[in-house]
Amino acid sequence: PERLSLELVEAATLAEEAVAAALSGVERPERWTIERAVVAERVRADRVQMRQALRNLIANALQAQPEGGRVRVELAREGDEHVLAVLDDGPGI
């Protein structure tokens, strides 16, 4: 595994970059409504790896709903931890 390059990252910017990356190259992105619920201001993370992980989760949510639907990206703080969630209206596994 690569060594982590931890830094304080703006959570809203991280979410926007991941959404943009997930939608790039997607045909007819208007089929999805992507909600952002970013409550945390900053997170201590490896920006590149966290953005990639979040992008992958969002891309999976889009693929789970090939005809379109809703995707919700949440970044929040719960006590001493940050919680990241990507929710969709797909059929589940």
C-alpha atoms as a PDB file:
ATOM      1  CA  PRO A   1       0.000   0.000   0.000  1.00  0.00           C
ATOM      2  CA  GLU A   2       1.021   3.563  -0.674  1.00  0.00           C
ATOM      3  CA  ARG A   3       2.021   5.789   2.200  1.00  0.00           C
ATOM      4  CA  LEU A   4      -0.809   8.133   3.137  1.00  0.00           C
ATOM      5  CA  SER A   5      -0.320  11.844   2.660  1.00  0.00           C
ATOM      6  CA  LEU A   6      -2.630  13.190   5.361  1.00  0.00           C
ATOM      7  CA  GLU A   7      -3.815  16.780   5.269  1.00  0.00           C
ATOM      8  CA  LEU A   8      -6.857  18.815   6.263  1.00  0.00           C
ATOM      9  CA  VAL A   9      -9.252  18.648   3.335  1.00  0.00           C
ATOM     10  CA  GLU A  10     -12.378  20.755   2.798  1.00  0.00           C
ATOM     11  CA  ALA A  11     -15.182  18.186   2.907  1.00  0.00           C
ATOM     12  CA  ALA A  12     -17.466  20.053   0.495  1.00  0.00           C
ATOM     13  CA  THR A  13     -14.679  20.388  -2.064  1.00  0.00           C
ATOM     14  CA  LEU A  14     -13.825  16.708  -1.716  1.00  0.00           C
ATOM     15  CA  ALA A  15     -17.459  15.759  -2.328  1.00  0.00           C
ATOM     16  CA  GLU A  16     -17.762  18.052  -5.366  1.00  0.00           C
ATOM     17  CA  GLU A  17     -14.551  16.733  -6.921  1.00  0.00           C
ATOM     18  CA  ALA A  18     -15.658  13.123  -6.400  1.00  0.00           C
ATOM     19  CA  VAL A  19     -19.106  13.771  -7.896  1.00  0.00           C
ATOM     20  CA  ALA A  20     -17.559  15.516 -10.919  1.00  0.00           C
ATOM     21  CA  ALA A  21     -15.108  12.642 -11.430  1.00  0.00           C
ATOM     22  CA  ALA A  22     -17.869  10.033 -11.168  1.00  0.00           C
ATOM     23  CA  LEU A  23     -20.047  11.896 -13.688  1.00  0.00           C
ATOM     24  CA  SER A  24     -17.266  12.559 -16.186  1.00  0.00           C
ATOM     25  CA  GLY A  25     -17.812  10.419 -19.230  1.00  0.00           C
ATOM     26  CA  VAL A  26     -21.264   9.307 -18.055  1.00  0.00           C
ATOM     27  CA  GLU A  27     -23.845   9.448 -20.785  1.00  0.00           C
ATOM     28  CA  ARG A  28     -26.828  11.670 -19.896  1.00  0.00           C
ATOM     29  CA  PRO A  29     -25.816  12.592 -16.316  1.00  0.00           C
ATOM     30  CA  GLU A  30     -29.076  14.527 -15.937  1.00  0.00           C
ATOM     31  CA  ARG A  31     -30.778  11.165 -15.267  1.00  0.00           C
ATOM     32  CA  TRP A  32     -29.513  11.301 -11.695  1.00  0.00           C
ATOM     33  CA  THR A  33     -30.212  13.704  -8.890  1.00  0.00           C
ATOM     34  CA  ILE A  34     -27.147  13.914  -6.699  1.00  0.00           C
ATOM     35  CA  GLU A  35     -27.768  15.346  -3.251  1.00  0.00           C
ATOM     36  CA  ARG A  36     -24.919  16.502  -1.062  1.00  0.00           C
ATOM     37  CA  ALA A  37     -25.270  16.563   2.710  1.00  0.00           C
ATOM     38  CA  VAL A  38     -21.862  17.760   3.812  1.00  0.00           C
ATOM     39  CA  VAL A  39     -21.972  18.736   7.472  1.00  0.00           C
ATOM     40  CA  ALA A  40     -18.277  18.289   8.289  1.00  0.00           C
ATOM     41  CA  GLU A  41     -16.129  21.291   7.439  1.00  0.00           C
ATOM     42  CA  ARG A  42     -12.753  19.606   7.124  1.00  0.00           C
ATOM     43  CA  VAL A  43     -11.482  16.064   7.376  1.00  0.00           C
ATOM     44  CA  ARG A  44      -7.975  14.788   7.905  1.00  0.00           C
ATOM     45  CA  ALA A  45      -7.387  12.461   4.986  1.00  0.00           C
ATOM     46  CA  ASP A  46      -5.260  11.613   2.001  1.00  0.00           C
ATOM     47  CA  ARG A  47      -7.029  13.844  -0.537  1.00  0.00           C
ATOM     48  CA  VAL A  48      -6.260  11.710  -3.598  1.00  0.00           C
ATOM     49  CA  GLN A  49      -7.144   8.357  -2.068  1.00  0.00           C
ATOM     50  CA  MET A  50     -10.267   9.641  -0.316  1.00  0.00           C
ATOM     51  CA  ARG A  51     -11.515  11.328  -3.500  1.00  0.00           C
ATOM     52  CA  GLN A  52     -10.909   8.096  -5.448  1.00  0.00           C
ATOM     53  CA  ALA A  53     -12.734   5.975  -2.866  1.00  0.00           C
ATOM     54  CA  LEU A  54     -15.666   8.392  -2.811  1.00  0.00           C
ATOM     55  CA  ARG A  55     -15.709   8.559  -6.616  1.00  0.00           C
ATOM     56  CA  ASN A  56     -15.863   4.757  -6.765  1.00  0.00           C
ATOM     57  CA  LEU A  57     -18.805   4.635  -4.353  1.00  0.00           C
ATOM     58  CA  ILE A  58     -20.676   7.270  -6.343  1.00  0.00           C
ATOM     59  CA  ALA A  59     -19.933   5.477  -9.627  1.00  0.00           C
ATOM     60  CA  ASN A  60     -21.284   2.239  -8.114  1.00  0.00           C
ATOM     61  CA  ALA A  61     -24.452   4.069  -7.053  1.00  0.00           C
ATOM     62  CA  LEU A  62     -24.908   5.371 -10.605  1.00  0.00           C
ATOM     63  CA  GLN A  63     -24.369   1.896 -12.063  1.00  0.00           C
ATOM     64  CA  ALA A  64     -26.948   0.441  -9.657  1.00  0.00           C
ATOM     65  CA  GLN A  65     -29.541   2.730 -11.280  1.00  0.00           C
ATOM     66  CA  PRO A  66     -28.880   2.565 -15.029  1.00  0.00           C
ATOM     67  CA  GLU A  67     -32.117   4.415 -15.860  1.00  0.00           C
ATOM     68  CA  GLY A  68     -31.327   7.178 -13.384  1.00  0.00           C
ATOM     69  CA  GLY A  69     -32.383   7.961  -9.855  1.00  0.00           C
ATOM     70  CA  ARG A  70     -31.222   9.617  -6.664  1.00  0.00           C
ATOM     71  CA  VAL A  71     -27.771   9.471  -5.084  1.00  0.00           C
ATOM     72  CA  ARG A  72     -27.022  11.080  -1.717  1.00  0.00           C
ATOM     73  CA  VAL A  73     -23.468  11.833  -0.602  1.00  0.00           C
ATOM     74  CA  GLU A  74     -23.109  12.416   3.136  1.00  0.00           C
ATOM     75  CA  LEU A  75     -20.058  13.595   5.060  1.00  0.00           C
ATOM     76  CA  ALA A  76     -20.634  14.247   8.745  1.00  0.00           C
ATOM     77  CA  ARG A  77     -18.869  14.251  12.068  1.00  0.00           C
ATOM     78  CA  GLU A  78     -20.028  11.909  14.812  1.00  0.00           C
ATOM     79  CA  GLY A  79     -18.069  12.454  17.984  1.00  0.00           C
ATOM     80  CA  ASP A  80     -14.376  12.022  17.214  1.00  0.00           C
ATOM     81  CA  GLU A  81     -15.003  10.339  13.865  1.00  0.00           C
ATOM     82  CA  HIS A  82     -16.067  11.390  10.395  1.00  0.00           C
ATOM     83  CA  VAL A  83     -18.723   9.359   8.645  1.00  0.00           C
ATOM     84  CA  LEU A  84     -18.949   9.027   4.888  1.00  0.00           C
ATOM     85  CA  ALA A  85     -22.016   7.506   3.217  1.00  0.00           C
ATOM     86  CA  VAL A  86     -23.205   7.172  -0.351  1.00  0.00           C
ATOM     87  CA  LEU A  87     -26.859   6.148  -0.615  1.00  0.00           C
ATOM     88  CA  ASP A  88     -28.870   5.359  -3.712  1.00  0.00           C
ATOM     89  CA  ASP A  89     -32.335   4.156  -4.703  1.00  0.00           C
ATOM     90  CA  GLY A  90     -30.969   1.089  -6.498  1.00  0.00           C
ATOM     91  CA  PRO A  91     -32.186  -2.459  -5.859  1.00  0.00           C
ATOM     92  CA  GLY A  92     -29.422  -3.330  -3.367  1.00  0.00           C
ATOM     93  CA  ILE A  93     -27.395  -6.493  -3.404  1.00  0.00           C
END
